[in-house]
Amino acid sequence: MQFGVARFFLGLGESGNFPAAIKTVASGSESERSWPLASSLRSECRSDLGPALCPGDAALRLAHAAFLTTGVFSVLWILWWFPLFPATQEHSTLTA
């Protein structure tokens, strides 16, 4: 829910960003338009690159978190089990 609210407000501010950047560049002289326009297009490319890379990164982070979670539970299980489990030589129901 928090992510959705944050994304909503980001979208409110983001929607006017690109038209305002083009309008600002267009209001300048023709000889000075190339650098600001290229800079604006470069920032637009960056905003498209994030959503393209995020799903793969999120999947890797989720897999890493799942691996760590199961690893931590395994270590806790071993630490709990060893004191309760008797050695084979001391086990009462095992015979030679």
Protein backbone atom coordinates (compact mmCIF):
# COMPACT_ATOMS: atom_id res chain seq x y z
CA MET A 1 0.00 0.00 0.00
CA GLN A 2 2.81 2.41 0.88
CA PHE A 3 4.55 1.72 -2.41
CA GLY A 4 1.33 2.39 -4.30
CA VAL A 5 0.80 5.73 -2.53
CA ALA A 6 4.42 6.76 -3.12
CA ARG A 7 4.17 5.78 -6.80
CA PHE A 8 0.93 7.75 -7.15
CA PHE A 9 2.51 10.96 -5.86
CA LEU A 10 5.63 10.38 -7.92
CA GLY A 11 3.40 10.04 -10.98
CA LEU A 12 1.67 13.33 -10.18
CA GLY A 13 4.96 15.21 -10.27
CA GLU A 14 6.46 13.18 -13.09
CA SER A 15 3.65 13.70 -15.57
CA GLY A 16 4.50 17.34 -16.24
CA ASN A 17 8.27 16.89 -16.21
CA PHE A 18 8.90 15.90 -19.82
CA PRO A 19 6.55 18.43 -21.50
CA ALA A 20 7.97 21.18 -19.31
CA ALA A 21 11.53 20.20 -20.25
CA ILE A 22 10.74 20.29 -23.99
CA LYS A 23 8.91 23.62 -23.63
CA THR A 24 11.88 25.09 -21.77
CA VAL A 25 14.30 23.93 -24.45
CA ALA A 26 12.04 25.20 -27.25
CA SER A 27 11.88 28.66 -25.70
CA GLY A 28 15.67 29.09 -26.01
CA SER A 29 17.61 30.16 -29.08
CA GLU A 30 18.09 27.64 -31.89
CA SER A 31 21.88 27.61 -31.51
CA GLU A 32 21.66 26.58 -27.85
CA ARG A 33 18.97 23.86 -28.08
CA SER A 34 21.11 20.80 -28.75
CA TRP A 35 22.73 20.31 -25.34
CA PRO A 36 19.60 20.81 -23.19
CA LEU A 37 17.54 18.64 -25.54
CA ALA A 38 20.14 15.85 -25.45
CA SER A 39 20.30 16.14 -21.66
CA SER A 40 16.51 15.94 -21.41
CA LEU A 41 16.37 12.88 -23.67
CA ARG A 42 19.15 11.24 -21.67
CA SER A 43 17.18 11.69 -18.45
CA GLU A 44 14.10 10.27 -20.20
CA CYS A 45 16.12 7.23 -21.21
CA ARG A 46 17.19 6.75 -17.59
CA SER A 47 13.60 6.82 -16.41
CA ASP A 48 12.76 4.02 -18.88
CA LEU A 49 15.82 2.01 -17.91
CA GLY A 50 14.81 1.62 -14.25
CA PRO A 51 11.57 -0.31 -14.84
CA ALA A 52 13.37 -2.47 -17.40
CA LEU A 53 16.09 -3.53 -14.95
CA CYS A 54 14.07 -3.64 -11.72
CA PRO A 55 12.21 -6.96 -12.19
CA GLY A 56 15.43 -8.92 -12.67
CA ASP A 57 17.07 -7.21 -9.73
CA ALA A 58 14.01 -7.76 -7.55
CA ALA A 59 13.95 -11.46 -8.47
CA LEU A 60 17.61 -11.84 -7.52
CA ARG A 61 17.07 -10.07 -4.21
CA LEU A 62 14.04 -12.23 -3.45
CA ALA A 63 15.96 -15.42 -4.22
CA HIS A 64 18.83 -14.22 -2.04
CA ALA A 65 16.43 -13.42 0.83
CA ALA A 66 14.77 -16.83 0.50
CA PHE A 67 18.17 -18.55 0.58
CA LEU A 68 19.23 -16.61 3.67
CA THR A 69 15.93 -17.26 5.43
CA THR A 70 16.08 -21.01 4.92
CA GLY A 71 19.75 -21.00 5.87
CA VAL A 72 19.09 -19.17 9.13
CA PHE A 73 16.25 -21.56 10.04
CA SER A 74 18.48 -24.53 9.23
CA VAL A 75 21.22 -23.28 11.55
CA LEU A 76 18.69 -22.63 14.32
CA TRP A 77 17.26 -26.14 13.87
CA ILE A 78 20.75 -27.68 14.10
CA LEU A 79 21.56 -25.68 17.23
CA TRP A 80 18.30 -26.85 18.82
CA TRP A 81 18.58 -30.48 17.66
CA PHE A 82 22.16 -31.42 18.61
CA PRO A 83 21.78 -30.99 22.38
CA LEU A 84 18.59 -33.11 22.33
CA PHE A 85 19.88 -35.89 20.09
CA PRO A 86 21.97 -38.47 22.00
CA ALA A 87 25.19 -39.84 20.54
CA THR A 88 24.92 -43.27 18.89
CA GLN A 89 27.02 -44.92 21.61
CA GLU A 90 24.76 -43.62 24.36
CA HIS A 91 21.44 -44.43 22.67
CA SER A 92 19.39 -46.85 24.79
CA THR A 93 17.50 -48.65 22.02
CA LEU A 94 20.41 -49.32 19.64
CA THR A 95 22.36 -52.56 19.87
CA ALA A 96 25.69 -53.56 18.40
